[in-house]
C-alpha atoms as a PDB file:
ATOM      1  CA  MET A   1       0.000   0.000   0.000  1.00  0.00           C
ATOM      2  CA  TYR A   2       1.035   3.603  -0.402  1.00  0.00           C
ATOM      3  CA  ASN A   3      -0.231   7.115   0.370  1.00  0.00           C
ATOM      4  CA  LEU A   4      -1.134   9.307  -2.594  1.00  0.00           C
ATOM      5  CA  LEU A   5      -1.142  13.016  -1.713  1.00  0.00           C
ATOM      6  CA  VAL A   6      -2.314  15.316  -4.492  1.00  0.00           C
ATOM      7  CA  GLY A   7      -2.156  19.096  -4.029  1.00  0.00           C
ATOM      8  CA  LEU A   8      -1.143  18.746  -0.367  1.00  0.00           C
ATOM      9  CA  LEU A   9       2.262  20.386  -0.553  1.00  0.00           C
ATOM     10  CA  ASP A  10       1.799  22.597   2.509  1.00  0.00           C
ATOM     11  CA  GLY A  11       1.515  19.804   5.089  1.00  0.00           C
ATOM     12  CA  GLU A  12      -2.235  20.166   5.618  1.00  0.00           C
ATOM     13  CA  ALA A  13      -5.219  18.102   4.439  1.00  0.00           C
ATOM     14  CA  LEU A  14      -8.909  18.759   4.993  1.00  0.00           C
ATOM     15  CA  LYS A  15     -10.460  15.970   7.038  1.00  0.00           C
ATOM     16  CA  GLU A  16     -13.162  15.287   4.443  1.00  0.00           C
ATOM     17  CA  ARG A  17     -10.545  14.881   1.678  1.00  0.00           C
ATOM     18  CA  VAL A  18      -8.586  12.155   3.480  1.00  0.00           C
ATOM     19  CA  VAL A  19      -9.140   8.564   2.178  1.00  0.00           C
ATOM     20  CA  GLU A  20     -10.949   9.764  -0.937  1.00  0.00           C
ATOM     21  CA  TYR A  21     -10.542   7.413  -3.926  1.00  0.00           C
ATOM     22  CA  THR A  22      -9.633   4.603  -1.512  1.00  0.00           C
ATOM     23  CA  ASP A  23     -11.003   1.050  -1.802  1.00  0.00           C
ATOM     24  CA  ASP A  24     -13.446   0.050   0.936  1.00  0.00           C
ATOM     25  CA  VAL A  25     -11.206  -2.741   2.295  1.00  0.00           C
ATOM     26  CA  ILE A  26      -8.273  -0.360   2.709  1.00  0.00           C
ATOM     27  CA  ARG A  27     -10.546   2.362   4.111  1.00  0.00           C
ATOM     28  CA  GLU A  28     -11.838  -0.034   6.794  1.00  0.00           C
ATOM     29  CA  TYR A  29      -8.277  -0.912   7.779  1.00  0.00           C
ATOM     30  CA  ILE A  30      -6.997   2.671   8.123  1.00  0.00           C
ATOM     31  CA  SER A  31     -10.270   3.975   9.592  1.00  0.00           C
ATOM     32  CA  PRO A  32     -11.509   1.255  11.974  1.00  0.00           C
ATOM     33  CA  GLY A  33     -14.994   2.134  13.171  1.00  0.00           C
ATOM     34  CA  GLY A  34     -14.988   5.102  10.801  1.00  0.00           C
ATOM     35  CA  ARG A  35     -12.212   6.908  12.692  1.00  0.00           C
ATOM     36  CA  LEU A  36      -8.857   7.473  10.998  1.00  0.00           C
ATOM     37  CA  ASP A  37      -5.890   5.787  12.721  1.00  0.00           C
ATOM     38  CA  PRO A  38      -2.823   7.881  11.742  1.00  0.00           C
ATOM     39  CA  SER A  39      -0.437   5.147  12.954  1.00  0.00           C
ATOM     40  CA  ARG A  40      -1.565   3.066   9.975  1.00  0.00           C
ATOM     41  CA  LEU A  41      -0.446   5.750   7.531  1.00  0.00           C
ATOM     42  CA  VAL A  42       2.930   6.916   8.866  1.00  0.00           C
ATOM     43  CA  ASN A  43       4.954   3.886   7.745  1.00  0.00           C
ATOM     44  CA  LEU A  44       3.543   3.664   4.229  1.00  0.00           C
ATOM     45  CA  PRO A  45       5.530   4.764   1.165  1.00  0.00           C
ATOM     46  CA  THR A  46       4.131   8.082  -0.006  1.00  0.00           C
ATOM     47  CA  LEU A  47       3.827   9.797  -3.388  1.00  0.00           C
ATOM     48  CA  VAL A  48       3.327  13.576  -3.162  1.00  0.00           C
ATOM     49  CA  MET A  49       2.453  15.616  -6.238  1.00  0.00           C
ATOM     50  CA  PRO A  50       0.737  18.898  -7.156  1.00  0.00           C
ATOM     51  CA  GLU A  51      -2.550  18.994  -9.029  1.00  0.00           C
ATOM     52  CA  ILE A  52      -1.592  18.543 -12.651  1.00  0.00           C
ATOM     53  CA  ASP A  53      -3.206  21.823 -13.758  1.00  0.00           C
ATOM     54  CA  TYR A  54      -1.217  23.807 -11.172  1.00  0.00           C
ATOM     55  CA  ALA A  55       2.110  21.997 -11.294  1.00  0.00           C
ATOM     56  CA  ASP A  56       4.123  24.994 -12.511  1.00  0.00           C
ATOM     57  CA  GLY A  57       7.049  22.729 -13.357  1.00  0.00           C
ATOM     58  CA  GLN A  58       6.922  20.737 -10.137  1.00  0.00           C
ATOM     59  CA  GLY A  59       7.122  16.961 -10.210  1.00  0.00           C
ATOM     60  CA  ALA A  60       6.254  14.131  -7.826  1.00  0.00           C
ATOM     61  CA  ARG A  61       8.317  13.184  -4.797  1.00  0.00           C
ATOM     62  CA  ILE A  62       8.609   9.881  -2.952  1.00  0.00           C
ATOM     63  CA  GLY A  63       9.054   9.425   0.798  1.00  0.00           C
ATOM     64  CA  HIS A  64       6.849   8.948   3.846  1.00  0.00           C
ATOM     65  CA  VAL A  65       4.652  11.018   6.161  1.00  0.00           C
ATOM     66  CA  GLU A  66       4.865  11.362   9.911  1.00  0.00           C
ATOM     67  CA  SER A  67       3.492  13.421  12.795  1.00  0.00           C
ATOM     68  CA  ILE A  68      -0.108  13.247  11.545  1.00  0.00           C
ATOM     69  CA  VAL A  69      -2.276  15.286  13.925  1.00  0.00           C
ATOM     70  CA  LEU A  70      -5.925  16.325  13.644  1.00  0.00           C
ATOM     71  CA  SER A  71      -6.470  20.040  14.286  1.00  0.00           C
ATOM     72  CA  GLY A  72     -10.109  21.012  13.904  1.00  0.00           C
ATOM     73  CA  ARG A  73     -11.141  20.012  10.373  1.00  0.00           C
ATOM     74  CA  THR A  74      -7.541  19.701   9.174  1.00  0.00           C
ATOM     75  CA  TYR A  75      -4.917  16.979   9.438  1.00  0.00           C
ATOM     76  CA  ARG A  76      -1.425  18.418   9.794  1.00  0.00           C
ATOM     77  CA  PHE A  77       1.508  16.231   8.783  1.00  0.00           C
ATOM     78  CA  ARG A  78       5.176  16.273   7.826  1.00  0.00           C
ATOM     79  CA  PHE A  79       6.396  14.759   4.579  1.00  0.00           C
ATOM     80  CA  VAL A  80       9.940  13.334   4.560  1.00  0.00           C
ATOM     81  CA  SER A  81      11.382  12.876   1.078  1.00  0.00           C
ATOM     82  CA  ASN A  82      13.469   9.810   0.162  1.00  0.00           C
ATOM     83  CA  PRO A  83      16.860  11.294  -0.846  1.00  0.00           C
ATOM     84  CA  ALA A  84      17.678   8.257  -3.010  1.00  0.00           C
ATOM     85  CA  ILE A  85      14.871   9.073  -5.464  1.00  0.00           C
ATOM     86  CA  PRO A  86      14.953  12.336  -7.429  1.00  0.00           C
ATOM     87  CA  GLU A  87      11.831  14.272  -8.347  1.00  0.00           C
ATOM     88  CA  ILE A  88       9.750  12.399 -10.942  1.00  0.00           C
ATOM     89  CA  PRO A  89       8.116  14.289 -13.850  1.00  0.00           C
ATOM     90  CA  LEU A  90       4.318  14.236 -13.723  1.00  0.00           C
ATOM     91  CA  THR A  91       4.256  12.951 -17.283  1.00  0.00           C
ATOM     92  CA  LYS A  92       5.881   9.723 -16.085  1.00  0.00           C
ATOM     93  CA  ILE A  93       3.435   9.403 -13.197  1.00  0.00           C
ATOM     94  CA  SER A  94       0.607   9.924 -15.675  1.00  0.00           C
ATOM     95  CA  THR A  95       1.844   7.117 -17.915  1.00  0.00           C
ATOM     96  CA  LEU A  96       1.946   4.820 -14.881  1.00  0.00           C
ATOM     97  CA  SER A  97      -1.491   5.870 -13.592  1.00  0.00           C
ATOM     98  CA  ASN A  98      -3.155   2.500 -14.235  1.00  0.00           C
ATOM     99  CA  ARG A  99      -0.388   0.579 -12.479  1.00  0.00           C
ATOM    100  CA  LEU A 100      -0.411   3.059  -9.588  1.00  0.00           C
ATOM    101  CA  GLY A 101      -4.205   2.912  -9.241  1.00  0.00           C
ATOM    102  CA  ILE A 102      -4.683   6.628  -9.986  1.00  0.00           C
ATOM    103  CA  THR A 103      -7.766   7.718 -11.925  1.00  0.00           C
ATOM    104  CA  ASP A 104      -7.678  10.661 -14.334  1.00  0.00           C
ATOM    105  CA  TRP A 105      -9.826  12.886 -12.101  1.00  0.00           C
ATOM    106  CA  GLU A 106      -7.464  12.387  -9.163  1.00  0.00           C
ATOM    107  CA  PHE A 107      -4.763  14.360 -10.955  1.00  0.00           C
ATOM    108  CA  ARG A 108      -7.060  17.401 -10.734  1.00  0.00           C
ATOM    109  CA  ARG A 109      -8.392  17.125  -7.189  1.00  0.00           C
ATOM    110  CA  THR A 110      -6.667  17.894  -3.903  1.00  0.00           C
ATOM    111  CA  HIS A 111      -7.027  14.762  -1.768  1.00  0.00           C
ATOM    112  CA  TRP A 112      -5.303  12.008   0.210  1.00  0.00           C
ATOM    113  CA  ALA A 113      -5.869   8.451  -1.058  1.00  0.00           C
ATOM    114  CA  VAL A 114      -4.405   5.109  -0.001  1.00  0.00           C
ATOM    115  CA  LYS A 115      -3.744   2.666  -2.821  1.00  0.00           C
ATOM    116  CA  ASP A 116      -3.300  -1.107  -2.657  1.00  0.00           C
ATOM    117  CA  VAL A 117      -0.149  -0.987  -4.811  1.00  0.00           C
ATOM    118  CA  ASP A 118       3.542  -1.658  -4.065  1.00  0.00           C
ATOM    119  CA  LEU A 119       4.822   1.818  -4.925  1.00  0.00           C
ATOM    120  CA  TYR A 120       8.559   1.121  -4.867  1.00  0.00           C
ATOM    121  CA  ARG A 121       8.287  -2.047  -6.903  1.00  0.00           C
ATOM    122  CA  THR A 122       6.074  -0.382  -9.499  1.00  0.00           C
ATOM    123  CA  LEU A 123       8.480   2.537  -9.914  1.00  0.00           C
ATOM    124  CA  HIS A 124      11.495   0.251 -10.061  1.00  0.00           C
ATOM    125  CA  GLU A 125       9.934  -1.994 -12.676  1.00  0.00           C
ATOM    126  CA  ALA A 126       9.110   1.079 -14.742  1.00  0.00           C
ATOM    127  CA  HIS A 127      12.737   2.294 -14.436  1.00  0.00           C
ATOM    128  CA  VAL A 128      11.608   5.517 -12.788  1.00  0.00           C
ATOM    129  CA  SER A 129      13.492   5.133  -9.549  1.00  0.00           C
ATOM    130  CA  ALA A 130      17.160   5.988  -9.330  1.00  0.00           C
ATOM    131  CA  PRO A 131      19.750   3.689  -7.755  1.00  0.00           C
ATOM    132  CA  PRO A 132      20.939   4.614  -4.270  1.00  0.00           C
ATOM    133  CA  ALA A 133      23.385   7.502  -4.352  1.00  0.00           C
ATOM    134  CA  SER A 134      25.669   5.840  -1.794  1.00  0.00           C
ATOM    135  CA  GLU A 135      27.591   2.612  -2.205  1.00  0.00           C
ATOM    136  CA  VAL A 136      26.965   1.961   1.488  1.00  0.00           C
ATOM    137  CA  LEU A 137      23.290   1.128   0.845  1.00  0.00           C
ATOM    138  CA  ARG A 138      22.629  -1.468  -1.826  1.00  0.00           C
ATOM    139  CA  PHE A 139      19.084  -2.808  -1.764  1.00  0.00           C
ATOM    140  CA  PRO A 140      18.442  -6.225  -3.364  1.00  0.00           C
ATOM    141  CA  VAL A 141      15.555  -4.832  -5.420  1.00  0.00           C
ATOM    142  CA  ASN A 142      15.261  -8.010  -7.479  1.00  0.00           C
ATOM    143  CA  ARG A 143      14.488 -10.100  -4.393  1.00  0.00           C
ATOM    144  CA  PRO A 144      10.838 -10.272  -3.273  1.00  0.00           C
ATOM    145  CA  GLN A 145       9.476  -9.314   0.102  1.00  0.00           C
ATOM    146  CA  GLU A 146       8.948 -12.443   2.223  1.00  0.00           C
ATOM    147  CA  ALA A 147       5.491 -12.365   3.806  1.00  0.00           C
ATOM    148  CA  ASP A 148       6.527 -14.373   6.895  1.00  0.00           C
ATOM    149  CA  LEU A 149       9.861 -12.673   7.621  1.00  0.00           C
ATOM    150  CA  VAL A 150      10.461 -10.292  10.541  1.00  0.00           C
ATOM    151  CA  ALA A 151      13.740  -8.376  10.933  1.00  0.00           C
ATOM    152  CA  ILE A 152      14.999  -7.651  14.444  1.00  0.00           C
ATOM    153  CA  MET A 153      17.155  -4.552  14.924  1.00  0.00           C
ATOM    154  CA  MET A 154      18.813  -4.332  18.351  1.00  0.00           C
ATOM    155  CA  PRO A 155      22.261  -3.797  19.864  1.00  0.00           C
ATOM    156  CA  PHE A 156      24.656  -6.750  19.477  1.00  0.00           C
ATOM    157  CA  ASP A 157      24.956  -7.182  23.237  1.00  0.00           C
ATOM    158  CA  ALA A 158      24.556 -10.342  25.333  1.00  0.00           C
ATOM    159  CA  ARG A 159      22.176  -8.458  27.649  1.00  0.00           C
ATOM    160  CA  PHE A 160      19.618  -8.435  24.833  1.00  0.00           C
ATOM    161  CA  GLY A 161      19.730 -12.221  24.434  1.00  0.00           C
ATOM    162  CA  PRO A 162      16.582 -12.809  26.546  1.00  0.00           C
ATOM    163  CA  VAL A 163      14.762 -10.036  24.663  1.00  0.00           C
ATOM    164  CA  TYR A 164      15.637 -11.621  21.320  1.00  0.00           C
ATOM    165  CA  GLU A 165      14.398 -15.020  22.494  1.00  0.00           C
ATOM    166  CA  VAL A 166      11.086 -13.491  23.571  1.00  0.00           C
ATOM    167  CA  LEU A 167      10.736 -11.790  20.175  1.00  0.00           C
ATOM    168  CA  ARG A 168      11.449 -15.127  18.477  1.00  0.00           C
ATOM    169  CA  GLU A 169       8.654 -16.715  20.495  1.00  0.00           C
ATOM    170  CA  ALA A 170       6.293 -13.836  19.697  1.00  0.00           C
ATOM    171  CA  THR A 171       6.888 -14.183  15.949  1.00  0.00           C
ATOM    172  CA  THR A 172       6.589 -17.973  16.048  1.00  0.00           C
ATOM    173  CA  ASP A 173       3.273 -17.692  17.888  1.00  0.00           C
ATOM    174  CA  VAL A 174       1.749 -15.906  14.889  1.00  0.00           C
ATOM    175  CA  GLY A 175       3.311 -18.180  12.272  1.00  0.00           C
ATOM    176  CA  LEU A 176       6.250 -15.952  11.358  1.00  0.00           C
ATOM    177  CA  ARG A 177      10.034 -16.252  11.539  1.00  0.00           C
ATOM    178  CA  CYS A 178      12.597 -13.656  12.569  1.00  0.00           C
ATOM    179  CA  TYR A 179      16.295 -12.952  12.127  1.00  0.00           C
ATOM    180  CA  ARG A 180      18.889 -10.466  13.243  1.00  0.00           C
ATOM    181  CA  ALA A 181      21.678  -9.400  10.907  1.00  0.00           C
ATOM    182  CA  ASP A 182      24.156 -11.535  12.849  1.00  0.00           C
ATOM    183  CA  ASP A 183      22.035 -14.627  12.091  1.00  0.00           C
ATOM    184  CA  ILE A 184      22.942 -14.435   8.405  1.00  0.00           C
ATOM    185  CA  TRP A 185      26.147 -14.115   6.374  1.00  0.00           C
ATOM    186  CA  GLU A 186      25.429 -13.642   2.706  1.00  0.00           C
ATOM    187  CA  HIS A 187      27.799 -10.740   1.942  1.00  0.00           C
ATOM    188  CA  ASN A 188      31.254  -9.596   2.965  1.00  0.00           C
ATOM    189  CA  HIS A 189      29.902  -6.186   4.036  1.00  0.00           C
ATOM    190  CA  ILE A 190      27.618  -6.413   7.072  1.00  0.00           C
ATOM    191  CA  MET A 191      25.506  -3.464   5.868  1.00  0.00           C
ATOM    192  CA  ASP A 192      24.618  -5.483   2.766  1.00  0.00           C
ATOM    193  CA  ASP A 193      23.210  -8.172   5.051  1.00  0.00           C
ATOM    194  CA  VAL A 194      21.345  -5.548   7.099  1.00  0.00           C
ATOM    195  CA  THR A 195      19.753  -3.853   4.080  1.00  0.00           C
ATOM    196  CA  SER A 196      18.939  -7.218   2.502  1.00  0.00           C
ATOM    197  CA  LEU A 197      17.192  -8.373   5.667  1.00  0.00           C
ATOM    198  CA  ILE A 198      15.189  -5.150   5.986  1.00  0.00           C
ATOM    199  CA  TRP A 199      14.268  -5.169   2.284  1.00  0.00           C
ATOM    200  CA  ARG A 200      12.994  -8.760   2.353  1.00  0.00           C
ATOM    201  CA  SER A 201      11.097  -8.448   5.640  1.00  0.00           C
ATOM    202  CA  ARG A 202       7.384  -7.946   6.093  1.00  0.00           C
ATOM    203  CA  VAL A 203       7.874  -6.238   9.481  1.00  0.00           C
ATOM    204  CA  VAL A 204      10.869  -4.723  11.292  1.00  0.00           C
ATOM    205  CA  ILE A 205      11.103  -4.722  15.103  1.00  0.00           C
ATOM    206  CA  SER A 206      13.492  -2.062  16.424  1.00  0.00           C
ATOM    207  CA  ASP A 207      14.691  -2.057  20.028  1.00  0.00           C
ATOM    208  CA  LEU A 208      15.650   1.555  20.696  1.00  0.00           C
ATOM    209  CA  THR A 209      16.921   0.812  24.199  1.00  0.00           C
ATOM    210  CA  GLY A 210      20.150   2.639  24.971  1.00  0.00           C
ATOM    211  CA  LYS A 211      19.837   5.010  21.998  1.00  0.00           C
ATOM    212  CA  ASN A 212      22.076   2.774  19.909  1.00  0.00           C
ATOM    213  CA  PRO A 213      23.077   4.745  16.754  1.00  0.00           C
ATOM    214  CA  ASN A 214      23.160   1.620  14.575  1.00  0.00           C
ATOM    215  CA  VAL A 215      19.592   0.749  15.518  1.00  0.00           C
ATOM    216  CA  PHE A 216      18.463   4.336  14.836  1.00  0.00           C
ATOM    217  CA  TYR A 217      20.132   4.197  11.418  1.00  0.00           C
ATOM    218  CA  GLU A 218      18.541   0.845  10.551  1.00  0.00           C
ATOM    219  CA  THR A 219      15.136   2.034  11.756  1.00  0.00           C
ATOM    220  CA  GLY A 220      15.431   5.038   9.443  1.00  0.00           C
ATOM    221  CA  ILE A 221      16.188   2.719   6.525  1.00  0.00           C
ATOM    222  CA  ALA A 222      13.096   0.632   7.330  1.00  0.00           C
ATOM    223  CA  HIS A 223      10.876   3.726   7.491  1.00  0.00           C
ATOM    224  CA  SER A 224      12.329   5.067   4.240  1.00  0.00           C
ATOM    225  CA  ILE A 225      11.397   1.977   2.220  1.00  0.00           C
ATOM    226  CA  GLY A 226       7.947   1.684   3.768  1.00  0.00           C
ATOM    227  CA  ARG A 227       8.299  -1.325   6.060  1.00  0.00           C
ATOM    228  CA  ASP A 228       5.974  -1.673   9.042  1.00  0.00           C
ATOM    229  CA  VAL A 229       8.100  -0.957  12.112  1.00  0.00           C
ATOM    230  CA  ILE A 230       7.333  -2.019  15.679  1.00  0.00           C
ATOM    231  CA  GLN A 231       9.328   0.184  18.051  1.00  0.00           C
ATOM    232  CA  ILE A 232      10.185  -1.193  21.484  1.00  0.00           C
ATOM    233  CA  ALA A 233      12.307   0.275  24.289  1.00  0.00           C
ATOM    234  CA  GLN A 234      12.982  -0.233  27.983  1.00  0.00           C
ATOM    235  CA  SER A 235      12.421   3.493  28.542  1.00  0.00           C
ATOM    236  CA  SER A 236      10.404   6.088  26.668  1.00  0.00           C
ATOM    237  CA  ASN A 237      13.419   8.393  27.073  1.00  0.00           C
ATOM    238  CA  ASP A 238      15.291   6.174  24.601  1.00  0.00           C
ATOM    239  CA  VAL A 239      12.829   7.027  21.809  1.00  0.00           C
ATOM    240  CA  PRO A 240      14.156  10.056  19.878  1.00  0.00           C
ATOM    241  CA  PHE A 241      11.897  13.058  19.425  1.00  0.00           C
ATOM    242  CA  ASP A 242      11.245  12.441  15.708  1.00  0.00           C
ATOM    243  CA  LEU A 243       9.927   8.929  16.450  1.00  0.00           C
ATOM    244  CA  ARG A 244       7.744   9.745  19.449  1.00  0.00           C
ATOM    245  CA  SER A 245       4.736  10.387  17.216  1.00  0.00           C
ATOM    246  CA  ILE A 246       4.840   6.656  16.428  1.00  0.00           C
ATOM    247  CA  ARG A 247       3.557   4.326  19.128  1.00  0.00           C
ATOM    248  CA  SER A 248       6.248   2.363  20.936  1.00  0.00           C
ATOM    249  CA  ILE A 249       6.052  -0.612  23.290  1.00  0.00           C
ATOM    250  CA  CYS A 250       7.878   0.058  26.560  1.00  0.00           C
ATOM    251  CA  TYR A 251       8.965  -3.000  28.537  1.00  0.00           C
ATOM    252  CA  LEU A 252      10.899  -4.067  31.634  1.00  0.00           C
ATOM    253  CA  SER A 253      13.744  -6.547  31.241  1.00  0.00           C
ATOM    254  CA  ASN A 254      12.549  -8.853  34.038  1.00  0.00           C
ATOM    255  CA  ASN A 255      10.509 -12.018  33.534  1.00  0.00           C
ATOM    256  CA  GLU A 256       7.151 -10.317  33.990  1.00  0.00           C
ATOM    257  CA  GLY A 257       8.111  -7.442  31.697  1.00  0.00           C
ATOM    258  CA  LEU A 258       9.332  -9.770  28.962  1.00  0.00           C
ATOM    259  CA  GLY A 259       6.094 -11.721  29.237  1.00  0.00           C
ATOM    260  CA  HIS A 260       4.113  -8.530  28.610  1.00  0.00           C
ATOM    261  CA  LEU A 261       6.441  -7.642  25.732  1.00  0.00           C
ATOM    262  CA  LYS A 262       5.835 -11.017  24.101  1.00  0.00           C
ATOM    263  CA  LYS A 263       2.058 -10.577  24.247  1.00  0.00           C
ATOM    264  CA  GLN A 264       2.099  -6.995  22.937  1.00  0.00           C
ATOM    265  CA  VAL A 265       4.418  -7.829  20.055  1.00  0.00           C
ATOM    266  CA  SER A 266       2.382 -10.923  19.155  1.00  0.00           C
ATOM    267  CA  ASP A 267      -0.827  -8.885  19.138  1.00  0.00           C
ATOM    268  CA  ARG A 268       0.721  -6.180  16.959  1.00  0.00           C
ATOM    269  CA  LEU A 269       2.206  -8.708  14.517  1.00  0.00           C
ATOM    270  CA  ARG A 270      -1.124 -10.486  14.278  1.00  0.00           C
ATOM    271  CA  ASP A 271      -2.807  -7.170  13.388  1.00  0.00           C
ATOM    272  CA  LEU A 272      -0.192  -6.301  10.764  1.00  0.00           C
ATOM    273  CA  VAL A 273      -0.207  -9.656   8.969  1.00  0.00           C
ATOM    274  CA  SER A 274      -4.000  -9.766   8.878  1.00  0.00           C
ATOM    275  CA  ARG A 275      -4.009  -7.042   6.205  1.00  0.00           C
ATOM    276  CA  PRO A 276      -2.459  -6.940   2.737  1.00  0.00           C
ATOM    277  CA  SER A 277       1.259  -6.205   2.481  1.00  0.00           C
ATOM    278  CA  PRO A 278       2.119  -2.607   1.518  1.00  0.00           C
END
């Protein structure tokens, strides 16, 4: 799935224009009980473009949205552009409209839709997306996402061994499997294994405990390519400001706390896998 934002370049969207041109099944998922759940929009890949009649030379940008807050009749949000993908001409988006699920009238109406389309794969297959600018990040774009795979991002520290085991149990309980980057060795460069694992995963679980810079970096990668991310931490103070708008699971590292963590993660995974993959 992906967010389609047309004419919403100022970070504001009228409440009545959100989830227009959105299939009923997707609408029910993002608006359970008829009430929009912003947490189900913030991790989705996002295409932002002006109305085609008022483009004035502007193109479309790819990234994600965060900090979605309702203020009166308006949703305020922040769009974060993916630096690896340059601006895309609207003519190219128009030629891909059928594959992207965009109707002709949508190009001329300010609105926020959610489409049941894999945005990054569609753009890649159409040769619209650019390769990563850095040799550090090489995504295995020809490998498919694995519907039962969960990536675990946490410090490589023996103290997190019990936490990892609990997360393994939580994923197994809902019929999934999980790995950390140190569980695999496919490449000489460890970052290639990290990016490969994140790319192929259905969900990423990030333990932000201790403000580990590697985990922050990997979490940013997961957000950038539109993976569902479950944030966990032993203290809310370990969650950086920019990620506090996203719900996190706080846990204690004792037996009782890990038991609660297992249940909360299992419940969240069960909710995520019950809907179509983005």
